[in-house]
Amino acid sequence: MIKLGFVGVGNMGGAIIRGINGKLGNTAVFAYDSNPEKLTGLRNIGATSSASVNDIAKRCDYVLLAVKPQQLDSVLEQIKQTGNEDLVIISICAGISAEYIRERTFPKAKVVPVMPNTPMMLGAGASALAHCEGVSDAEFAFARKIIGACGITETVPADKMKEVIAINGSSPAFIYLYAKGFVDYAEKVGIDKDAALRLFAQSLIGSAKMLTESKMTVDELIKQVSSPGGTTLAGLDKLYEGKLTETVMNACEACTKRAYELGGEKK
C-alpha cells in the first residue's frame, strides 16, 4: 500500500485531498495541519489525521507540502529529522525550487515541484509539474495522478517553474481584473452586473474551448471575431493603443522576478 501524507490542509491542500478521494487505488492518505480545526472531518474525504509533520515524514512514501512560505523551513527541518531520501516530496509552494528543498532536507531528496492554481478548488485546475533528477518515472506518474485529480497537468522544465507561475498560477487574478473592467462597464451603461458577469464568464469558457479545441491560432481566432469596419475592431484598436499584450508581458515578468526573490535567487 502506498502511503501519501499532506502537510497543510488549507484551500489547496484540502482541495487536493477531496479531489483524490477514491481515485488512487491502494493508497492510504494522512494529513497534518498546524490548525487542528482543519483536520476535523478528514475521514469523510478519505484521509486520516496525523499528529505532526514528523509523523507524516516517518510513515509516508510521498508527502505533499501545501504550507505558507513562512512555515516551509520549519516543515522541512522536521522532515529532515524523521524522513529519508526515499521519500518523494511534492511541493506546491510557489517559487520554491527542488534545490531549495534538498538543501534543507537531503542532498538527494526526490522532489516534484508543482505550480497549481486556485481553480483546483472546483476541480478545474491547471497545474505545471517538473520531473526532477532522482524521481523515477513511476514516482512522477503517481505525483501527476495526485495533482491531475483536480484538473489538467502539464510538464515543464524544472528551470522554468518560476516562469510558469505567471502563466497558470497568477493568471487567474489577472483574468479576474480583466473581467472587472467588463462588469464595471456593464454597470456604467445600465446592464445588471450579475447578468453581465455570467455572460462574460461564459464567454471566457467558450473562448478557452476555442483556443484548445478549434485548431486555430490565436491570431486566426481574433480575426474570426473581427469583421472589417465592425465593432470588435473598434474595440481592439483601443486595446492595441493601450499596449495590452505589452502590459501582460510586463505583468508576467514582474511576477517571475518576485518568484525568484521569494526563492532566494536573482533573475
C-alpha atoms as a PDB file:
ATOM      1  CA  MET A   1       0.000   0.000   0.000  1.00  0.00           C
ATOM      2  CA  ILE A   2       1.228   3.469  -0.895  1.00  0.00           C
ATOM      3  CA  LYS A   3       1.161   5.978   1.949  1.00  0.00           C
ATOM      4  CA  LEU A   4       0.589   9.617   1.000  1.00  0.00           C
ATOM      5  CA  GLY A   5       0.834  12.421   3.523  1.00  0.00           C
ATOM      6  CA  PHE A   6      -0.297  16.042   3.334  1.00  0.00           C
ATOM      7  CA  VAL A   7       1.303  18.826   5.319  1.00  0.00           C
ATOM      8  CA  GLY A   8      -1.186  21.668   5.168  1.00  0.00           C
ATOM      9  CA  VAL A   9      -4.942  21.271   4.768  1.00  0.00           C
ATOM     10  CA  GLY A  10      -5.861  24.793   3.674  1.00  0.00           C
ATOM     11  CA  ASN A  11      -7.662  25.739   0.477  1.00  0.00           C
ATOM     12  CA  MET A  12      -5.267  23.978  -1.875  1.00  0.00           C
ATOM     13  CA  GLY A  13      -4.273  21.023   0.285  1.00  0.00           C
ATOM     14  CA  GLY A  14      -7.903  20.382   1.204  1.00  0.00           C
ATOM     15  CA  ALA A  15      -8.961  20.635  -2.447  1.00  0.00           C
ATOM     16  CA  ILE A  16      -6.423  18.003  -3.487  1.00  0.00           C
ATOM     17  CA  ILE A  17      -7.477  15.644  -0.688  1.00  0.00           C
ATOM     18  CA  ARG A  18     -11.096  15.932  -1.820  1.00  0.00           C
ATOM     19  CA  GLY A  19     -10.056  15.520  -5.450  1.00  0.00           C
ATOM     20  CA  ILE A  20      -8.136  12.269  -4.921  1.00  0.00           C
ATOM     21  CA  ASN A  21     -10.773  10.681  -2.676  1.00  0.00           C
ATOM     22  CA  GLY A  22     -11.379   7.217  -4.115  1.00  0.00           C
ATOM     23  CA  LYS A  23      -9.155   7.772  -7.173  1.00  0.00           C
ATOM     24  CA  LEU A  24      -5.728   6.481  -6.127  1.00  0.00           C
ATOM     25  CA  GLY A  25      -6.438   2.796  -5.611  1.00  0.00           C
ATOM     26  CA  ASN A  26      -4.453   1.092  -2.866  1.00  0.00           C
ATOM     27  CA  THR A  27      -3.348   4.296  -1.146  1.00  0.00           C
ATOM     28  CA  ALA A  28      -3.654   5.429   2.471  1.00  0.00           C
ATOM     29  CA  VAL A  29      -3.908   9.201   2.895  1.00  0.00           C
ATOM     30  CA  PHE A  30      -2.750  11.049   6.010  1.00  0.00           C
ATOM     31  CA  ALA A  31      -2.820  14.759   6.776  1.00  0.00           C
ATOM     32  CA  TYR A  32      -1.412  17.225   9.277  1.00  0.00           C
ATOM     33  CA  ASP A  33      -2.121  20.916   9.780  1.00  0.00           C
ATOM     34  CA  SER A  34      -0.920  23.272  12.492  1.00  0.00           C
ATOM     35  CA  ASN A  35      -4.557  24.331  12.897  1.00  0.00           C
ATOM     36  CA  PRO A  36      -6.342  21.313  14.443  1.00  0.00           C
ATOM     37  CA  GLU A  37      -9.727  22.595  13.251  1.00  0.00           C
ATOM     38  CA  LYS A  38      -8.730  21.894   9.660  1.00  0.00           C
ATOM     39  CA  LEU A  39      -8.283  18.211  10.475  1.00  0.00           C
ATOM     40  CA  THR A  40     -11.897  17.699  11.505  1.00  0.00           C
ATOM     41  CA  GLY A  41     -13.960  15.710   9.048  1.00  0.00           C
ATOM     42  CA  LEU A  42     -10.954  14.285   7.202  1.00  0.00           C
ATOM     43  CA  ARG A  43     -12.370  10.761   7.334  1.00  0.00           C
ATOM     44  CA  ASN A  44     -15.344  11.970   5.302  1.00  0.00           C
ATOM     45  CA  ILE A  45     -12.971  12.700   2.411  1.00  0.00           C
ATOM     46  CA  GLY A  46     -10.819   9.594   2.720  1.00  0.00           C
ATOM     47  CA  ALA A  47      -7.945  10.804   4.921  1.00  0.00           C
ATOM     48  CA  THR A  48      -6.660  10.199   8.441  1.00  0.00           C
ATOM     49  CA  SER A  49      -5.287  12.955  10.662  1.00  0.00           C
ATOM     50  CA  SER A  50      -1.668  12.792  11.858  1.00  0.00           C
ATOM     51  CA  ALA A  51      -0.183  14.286  14.993  1.00  0.00           C
ATOM     52  CA  SER A  52       2.809  16.041  13.433  1.00  0.00           C
ATOM     53  CA  VAL A  53       4.998  16.672  10.424  1.00  0.00           C
ATOM     54  CA  ASN A  54       7.471  14.184  11.893  1.00  0.00           C
ATOM     55  CA  ASP A  55       4.771  11.522  11.901  1.00  0.00           C
ATOM     56  CA  ILE A  56       3.921  12.201   8.253  1.00  0.00           C
ATOM     57  CA  ALA A  57       7.587  12.070   7.193  1.00  0.00           C
ATOM     58  CA  LYS A  58       8.236   8.856   9.110  1.00  0.00           C
ATOM     59  CA  ARG A  59       5.250   6.834   7.909  1.00  0.00           C
ATOM     60  CA  CYS A  60       4.670   8.035   4.318  1.00  0.00           C
ATOM     61  CA  ASP A  61       6.162   7.242   0.902  1.00  0.00           C
ATOM     62  CA  TYR A  62       5.040  10.578  -0.540  1.00  0.00           C
ATOM     63  CA  VAL A  63       4.489  13.887   1.241  1.00  0.00           C
ATOM     64  CA  LEU A  64       2.712  16.828  -0.347  1.00  0.00           C
ATOM     65  CA  LEU A  65       3.680  20.238   1.014  1.00  0.00           C
ATOM     66  CA  ALA A  66       0.843  22.767   0.968  1.00  0.00           C
ATOM     67  CA  VAL A  67       2.024  25.288   3.546  1.00  0.00           C
ATOM     68  CA  LYS A  68       2.595  29.038   3.647  1.00  0.00           C
ATOM     69  CA  PRO A  69       6.122  30.271   2.771  1.00  0.00           C
ATOM     70  CA  GLN A  70       6.815  31.359   6.335  1.00  0.00           C
ATOM     71  CA  GLN A  71       6.109  27.814   7.573  1.00  0.00           C
ATOM     72  CA  LEU A  72       8.153  25.971   4.985  1.00  0.00           C
ATOM     73  CA  ASP A  73      11.621  25.998   6.561  1.00  0.00           C
ATOM     74  CA  SER A  74      10.275  24.639   9.845  1.00  0.00           C
ATOM     75  CA  VAL A  75       8.389  21.895   7.992  1.00  0.00           C
ATOM     76  CA  LEU A  76      11.484  20.919   6.001  1.00  0.00           C
ATOM     77  CA  GLU A  77      13.557  20.737   9.172  1.00  0.00           C
ATOM     78  CA  GLN A  78      11.035  18.307  10.672  1.00  0.00           C
ATOM     79  CA  ILE A  79      11.018  16.201   7.503  1.00  0.00           C
ATOM     80  CA  LYS A  80      14.809  16.022   7.740  1.00  0.00           C
ATOM     81  CA  GLN A  81      14.532  14.718  11.309  1.00  0.00           C
ATOM     82  CA  THR A  82      12.349  11.678  10.590  1.00  0.00           C
ATOM     83  CA  GLY A  83      12.228  11.246   6.799  1.00  0.00           C
ATOM     84  CA  ASN A  84      14.785   9.833   4.400  1.00  0.00           C
ATOM     85  CA  GLU A  85      15.996  10.161   0.805  1.00  0.00           C
ATOM     86  CA  ASP A  86      13.437   7.625  -0.460  1.00  0.00           C
ATOM     87  CA  LEU A  87      10.608   9.975   0.465  1.00  0.00           C
ATOM     88  CA  VAL A  88       9.084  11.725  -2.563  1.00  0.00           C
ATOM     89  CA  ILE A  89       8.387  15.364  -1.690  1.00  0.00           C
ATOM     90  CA  ILE A  90       5.683  17.015  -3.791  1.00  0.00           C
ATOM     91  CA  SER A  91       5.714  20.775  -3.277  1.00  0.00           C
ATOM     92  CA  ILE A  92       3.020  23.238  -4.340  1.00  0.00           C
ATOM     93  CA  CYS A  93       4.881  26.127  -2.677  1.00  0.00           C
ATOM     94  CA  ALA A  94       5.259  28.896  -5.280  1.00  0.00           C
ATOM     95  CA  GLY A  95       8.796  29.860  -6.235  1.00  0.00           C
ATOM     96  CA  ILE A  96      10.455  27.099  -4.215  1.00  0.00           C
ATOM     97  CA  SER A  97      12.913  25.005  -6.220  1.00  0.00           C
ATOM     98  CA  ALA A  98      13.929  21.381  -5.781  1.00  0.00           C
ATOM     99  CA  GLU A  99      17.398  22.639  -4.814  1.00  0.00           C
ATOM    100  CA  TYR A 100      15.928  24.765  -2.026  1.00  0.00           C
ATOM    101  CA  ILE A 101      14.174  21.713  -0.582  1.00  0.00           C
ATOM    102  CA  ARG A 102      17.237  19.465  -0.953  1.00  0.00           C
ATOM    103  CA  GLU A 103      19.438  21.987   0.851  1.00  0.00           C
ATOM    104  CA  ARG A 104      17.087  21.836   3.838  1.00  0.00           C
ATOM    105  CA  THR A 105      16.328  18.095   3.848  1.00  0.00           C
ATOM    106  CA  PHE A 106      18.521  15.577   2.000  1.00  0.00           C
ATOM    107  CA  PRO A 107      21.125  16.183  -0.743  1.00  0.00           C
ATOM    108  CA  LYS A 108      19.463  13.574  -2.973  1.00  0.00           C
ATOM    109  CA  ALA A 109      15.872  14.211  -1.963  1.00  0.00           C
ATOM    110  CA  LYS A 110      13.275  13.232  -4.565  1.00  0.00           C
ATOM    111  CA  VAL A 111      11.354  16.443  -5.272  1.00  0.00           C
ATOM    112  CA  VAL A 112       8.418  17.121  -7.589  1.00  0.00           C
ATOM    113  CA  PRO A 113       7.781  20.889  -7.785  1.00  0.00           C
ATOM    114  CA  VAL A 114       4.213  21.793  -8.729  1.00  0.00           C
ATOM    115  CA  MET A 115       2.676  25.125  -9.701  1.00  0.00           C
ATOM    116  CA  PRO A 116      -1.086  24.744  -9.233  1.00  0.00           C
ATOM    117  CA  ASN A 117      -3.807  27.382  -9.387  1.00  0.00           C
ATOM    118  CA  THR A 118      -6.873  28.152  -7.298  1.00  0.00           C
ATOM    119  CA  PRO A 119      -9.449  26.696  -9.749  1.00  0.00           C
ATOM    120  CA  MET A 120      -8.245  23.361  -8.315  1.00  0.00           C
ATOM    121  CA  MET A 121     -10.791  24.057  -5.598  1.00  0.00           C
ATOM    122  CA  LEU A 122     -13.511  23.414  -8.192  1.00  0.00           C
ATOM    123  CA  GLY A 123     -11.705  20.500  -9.840  1.00  0.00           C
ATOM    124  CA  ALA A 124     -10.813  22.783 -12.757  1.00  0.00           C
ATOM    125  CA  GLY A 125      -7.153  23.409 -12.016  1.00  0.00           C
ATOM    126  CA  ALA A 126      -4.275  23.848 -14.442  1.00  0.00           C
ATOM    127  CA  SER A 127      -1.042  22.674 -12.843  1.00  0.00           C
ATOM    128  CA  ALA A 128       2.544  22.598 -14.072  1.00  0.00           C
ATOM    129  CA  LEU A 129       4.922  19.929 -12.757  1.00  0.00           C
ATOM    130  CA  ALA A 130       8.651  19.346 -13.203  1.00  0.00           C
ATOM    131  CA  HIS A 131      10.219  15.893 -13.446  1.00  0.00           C
ATOM    132  CA  CYS A 132      13.421  16.442 -11.499  1.00  0.00           C
ATOM    133  CA  GLU A 133      16.528  14.293 -11.300  1.00  0.00           C
ATOM    134  CA  GLY A 134      16.240  11.298  -8.981  1.00  0.00           C
ATOM    135  CA  VAL A 135      12.482  10.910  -9.317  1.00  0.00           C
ATOM    136  CA  SER A 136      11.578   7.703 -11.181  1.00  0.00           C
ATOM    137  CA  ASP A 137       9.044   7.648 -13.997  1.00  0.00           C
ATOM    138  CA  ALA A 138       6.634   5.698 -11.780  1.00  0.00           C
ATOM    139  CA  GLU A 139       7.024   8.152  -8.889  1.00  0.00           C
ATOM    140  CA  PHE A 140       6.474  11.128 -11.166  1.00  0.00           C
ATOM    141  CA  ALA A 141       3.430   9.468 -12.751  1.00  0.00           C
ATOM    142  CA  PHE A 142       1.908   8.951  -9.301  1.00  0.00           C
ATOM    143  CA  ALA A 143       2.586  12.581  -8.335  1.00  0.00           C
ATOM    144  CA  ARG A 144       0.972  13.694 -11.575  1.00  0.00           C
ATOM    145  CA  LYS A 145      -2.040  11.468 -10.874  1.00  0.00           C
ATOM    146  CA  ILE A 146      -2.480  13.173  -7.489  1.00  0.00           C
ATOM    147  CA  ILE A 147      -2.426  16.669  -8.953  1.00  0.00           C
ATOM    148  CA  GLY A 148      -4.411  15.627 -12.022  1.00  0.00           C
ATOM    149  CA  ALA A 149      -7.333  14.610  -9.817  1.00  0.00           C
ATOM    150  CA  CYS A 150      -8.144  18.337  -9.620  1.00  0.00           C
ATOM    151  CA  GLY A 151      -7.735  19.375 -13.256  1.00  0.00           C
ATOM    152  CA  ILE A 152      -5.222  19.189 -16.084  1.00  0.00           C
ATOM    153  CA  THR A 153      -1.453  18.881 -15.726  1.00  0.00           C
ATOM    154  CA  GLU A 154       1.464  19.810 -17.958  1.00  0.00           C
ATOM    155  CA  THR A 155       5.150  19.008 -17.540  1.00  0.00           C
ATOM    156  CA  VAL A 156       7.627  21.890 -17.837  1.00  0.00           C
ATOM    157  CA  PRO A 157      11.420  22.004 -17.339  1.00  0.00           C
ATOM    158  CA  ALA A 158      12.496  22.395 -13.727  1.00  0.00           C
ATOM    159  CA  ASP A 159      14.335  25.628 -14.543  1.00  0.00           C
ATOM    160  CA  LYS A 160      11.085  27.188 -15.837  1.00  0.00           C
ATOM    161  CA  MET A 161       8.937  26.571 -12.773  1.00  0.00           C
ATOM    162  CA  LYS A 162       9.201  30.197 -11.704  1.00  0.00           C
ATOM    163  CA  GLU A 163       8.448  31.499 -15.198  1.00  0.00           C
ATOM    164  CA  VAL A 164       5.308  29.350 -15.449  1.00  0.00           C
ATOM    165  CA  ILE A 165       3.790  30.936 -12.328  1.00  0.00           C
ATOM    166  CA  ALA A 166       2.559  33.911 -14.345  1.00  0.00           C
ATOM    167  CA  ILE A 167       1.018  31.652 -16.983  1.00  0.00           C
ATOM    168  CA  ASN A 168      -1.157  29.469 -14.788  1.00  0.00           C
ATOM    169  CA  GLY A 169      -0.606  30.295 -11.125  1.00  0.00           C
ATOM    170  CA  SER A 170      -1.115  34.058 -11.076  1.00  0.00           C
ATOM    171  CA  SER A 171      -3.075  34.421 -14.318  1.00  0.00           C
ATOM    172  CA  PRO A 172      -6.494  33.794 -12.702  1.00  0.00           C
ATOM    173  CA  ALA A 173      -6.047  37.057 -10.759  1.00  0.00           C
ATOM    174  CA  PHE A 174      -5.074  38.857 -13.974  1.00  0.00           C
ATOM    175  CA  ILE A 175      -8.161  37.432 -15.694  1.00  0.00           C
ATOM    176  CA  TYR A 176     -10.396  38.491 -12.792  1.00  0.00           C
ATOM    177  CA  LEU A 177      -9.083  42.048 -13.073  1.00  0.00           C
ATOM    178  CA  TYR A 178      -9.763  41.995 -16.817  1.00  0.00           C
ATOM    179  CA  ALA A 179     -13.281  40.733 -16.100  1.00  0.00           C
ATOM    180  CA  LYS A 180     -13.810  43.564 -13.631  1.00  0.00           C
ATOM    181  CA  GLY A 181     -13.381  46.074 -16.455  1.00  0.00           C
ATOM    182  CA  PHE A 182     -16.227  44.485 -18.419  1.00  0.00           C
ATOM    183  CA  VAL A 183     -18.523  44.190 -15.400  1.00  0.00           C
ATOM    184  CA  ASP A 184     -17.813  47.792 -14.364  1.00  0.00           C
ATOM    185  CA  TYR A 185     -18.610  48.916 -17.913  1.00  0.00           C
ATOM    186  CA  ALA A 186     -21.896  46.971 -17.859  1.00  0.00           C
ATOM    187  CA  GLU A 187     -22.910  48.651 -14.611  1.00  0.00           C
ATOM    188  CA  LYS A 188     -21.943  52.059 -16.001  1.00  0.00           C
ATOM    189  CA  VAL A 189     -24.251  51.673 -19.013  1.00  0.00           C
ATOM    190  CA  GLY A 190     -27.160  50.276 -17.015  1.00  0.00           C
ATOM    191  CA  ILE A 191     -26.796  46.497 -17.533  1.00  0.00           C
ATOM    192  CA  ASP A 192     -27.292  44.273 -14.483  1.00  0.00           C
ATOM    193  CA  LYS A 193     -23.787  43.434 -13.255  1.00  0.00           C
ATOM    194  CA  ASP A 194     -24.683  39.856 -12.281  1.00  0.00           C
ATOM    195  CA  ALA A 195     -26.111  39.184 -15.741  1.00  0.00           C
ATOM    196  CA  ALA A 196     -23.026  40.786 -17.290  1.00  0.00           C
ATOM    197  CA  LEU A 197     -20.727  38.647 -15.155  1.00  0.00           C
ATOM    198  CA  ARG A 198     -22.500  35.461 -16.247  1.00  0.00           C
ATOM    199  CA  LEU A 199     -22.332  36.489 -19.898  1.00  0.00           C
ATOM    200  CA  PHE A 200     -18.657  37.416 -19.703  1.00  0.00           C
ATOM    201  CA  ALA A 201     -17.728  34.294 -17.690  1.00  0.00           C
ATOM    202  CA  GLN A 202     -19.414  32.064 -20.264  1.00  0.00           C
ATOM    203  CA  SER A 203     -17.602  33.988 -22.986  1.00  0.00           C
ATOM    204  CA  LEU A 204     -14.334  33.133 -21.218  1.00  0.00           C
ATOM    205  CA  ILE A 205     -15.284  29.462 -21.043  1.00  0.00           C
ATOM    206  CA  GLY A 206     -16.282  29.392 -24.706  1.00  0.00           C
ATOM    207  CA  SER A 207     -13.198  31.303 -25.794  1.00  0.00           C
ATOM    208  CA  ALA A 208     -10.984  28.903 -23.825  1.00  0.00           C
ATOM    209  CA  LYS A 209     -12.574  25.957 -25.616  1.00  0.00           C
ATOM    210  CA  MET A 210     -11.967  27.653 -28.943  1.00  0.00           C
ATOM    211  CA  LEU A 211      -8.305  28.131 -28.000  1.00  0.00           C
ATOM    212  CA  THR A 212      -7.847  24.456 -27.090  1.00  0.00           C
ATOM    213  CA  GLU A 213     -10.218  22.692 -29.476  1.00  0.00           C
ATOM    214  CA  SER A 214     -10.646  24.734 -32.684  1.00  0.00           C
ATOM    215  CA  LYS A 215      -7.128  24.030 -34.000  1.00  0.00           C
ATOM    216  CA  MET A 216      -6.932  27.715 -34.959  1.00  0.00           C
ATOM    217  CA  THR A 217      -4.103  30.026 -33.910  1.00  0.00           C
ATOM    218  CA  VAL A 218      -4.712  32.936 -31.550  1.00  0.00           C
ATOM    219  CA  ASP A 219      -4.364  35.386 -34.442  1.00  0.00           C
ATOM    220  CA  GLU A 220      -6.845  33.385 -36.539  1.00  0.00           C
ATOM    221  CA  LEU A 221      -9.356  33.363 -33.695  1.00  0.00           C
ATOM    222  CA  ILE A 222      -9.059  37.135 -33.265  1.00  0.00           C
ATOM    223  CA  LYS A 223      -9.613  37.605 -36.993  1.00  0.00           C
ATOM    224  CA  GLN A 224     -12.670  35.311 -36.919  1.00  0.00           C
ATOM    225  CA  VAL A 225     -14.438  37.653 -34.469  1.00  0.00           C
ATOM    226  CA  SER A 226     -13.317  40.841 -36.203  1.00  0.00           C
ATOM    227  CA  SER A 227     -15.452  41.941 -39.151  1.00  0.00           C
ATOM    228  CA  PRO A 228     -13.859  44.719 -41.275  1.00  0.00           C
ATOM    229  CA  GLY A 229     -15.040  48.097 -40.039  1.00  0.00           C
ATOM    230  CA  GLY A 230     -17.052  46.458 -37.268  1.00  0.00           C
ATOM    231  CA  THR A 231     -17.477  46.892 -33.531  1.00  0.00           C
ATOM    232  CA  THR A 232     -14.821  44.375 -32.473  1.00  0.00           C
ATOM    233  CA  LEU A 233     -12.096  46.066 -34.485  1.00  0.00           C
ATOM    234  CA  ALA A 234     -13.052  49.418 -32.972  1.00  0.00           C
ATOM    235  CA  GLY A 235     -12.549  47.943 -29.522  1.00  0.00           C
ATOM    236  CA  LEU A 236      -9.372  46.089 -30.493  1.00  0.00           C
ATOM    237  CA  ASP A 237      -7.870  49.355 -31.724  1.00  0.00           C
ATOM    238  CA  LYS A 238      -8.160  50.760 -28.211  1.00  0.00           C
ATOM    239  CA  LEU A 239      -6.581  47.627 -26.686  1.00  0.00           C
ATOM    240  CA  TYR A 240      -3.691  47.921 -29.144  1.00  0.00           C
ATOM    241  CA  GLU A 241      -3.345  51.631 -28.315  1.00  0.00           C
ATOM    242  CA  GLY A 242      -3.179  50.711 -24.651  1.00  0.00           C
ATOM    243  CA  LYS A 243      -0.490  48.127 -25.429  1.00  0.00           C
ATOM    244  CA  LEU A 244      -2.458  45.295 -23.787  1.00  0.00           C
ATOM    245  CA  THR A 245      -0.103  42.493 -24.809  1.00  0.00           C
ATOM    246  CA  GLU A 246       2.933  44.516 -23.705  1.00  0.00           C
ATOM    247  CA  THR A 247       1.261  45.196 -20.359  1.00  0.00           C
ATOM    248  CA  VAL A 248       0.552  41.478 -19.940  1.00  0.00           C
ATOM    249  CA  MET A 249       4.199  40.707 -20.721  1.00  0.00           C
ATOM    250  CA  ASN A 250       5.311  43.256 -18.112  1.00  0.00           C
ATOM    251  CA  ALA A 251       2.977  41.706 -15.536  1.00  0.00           C
ATOM    252  CA  CYS A 252       4.396  38.245 -16.250  1.00  0.00           C
ATOM    253  CA  GLU A 253       7.970  39.489 -15.958  1.00  0.00           C
ATOM    254  CA  ALA A 254       7.237  41.212 -12.631  1.00  0.00           C
ATOM    255  CA  CYS A 255       5.595  38.030 -11.373  1.00  0.00           C
ATOM    256  CA  THR A 256       8.635  35.950 -12.352  1.00  0.00           C
ATOM    257  CA  LYS A 257      11.065  38.415 -10.790  1.00  0.00           C
ATOM    258  CA  ARG A 258       9.185  38.220  -7.491  1.00  0.00           C
ATOM    259  CA  ALA A 259       9.173  34.412  -7.649  1.00  0.00           C
ATOM    260  CA  TYR A 260      12.976  34.417  -7.866  1.00  0.00           C
ATOM    261  CA  GLU A 261      13.164  36.834  -4.923  1.00  0.00           C
ATOM    262  CA  LEU A 262      10.919  34.597  -2.806  1.00  0.00           C
ATOM    263  CA  GLY A 263      13.122  31.636  -3.660  1.00  0.00           C
ATOM    264  CA  GLY A 264      16.247  33.496  -2.568  1.00  0.00           C
ATOM    265  CA  GLU A 265      17.542  33.766  -6.139  1.00  0.00           C
ATOM    266  CA  LYS A 266      18.153  36.520  -8.657  1.00  0.00           C
ATOM    267  CA  LYS A 267      16.668  36.651 -12.155  1.00  0.00           C
END
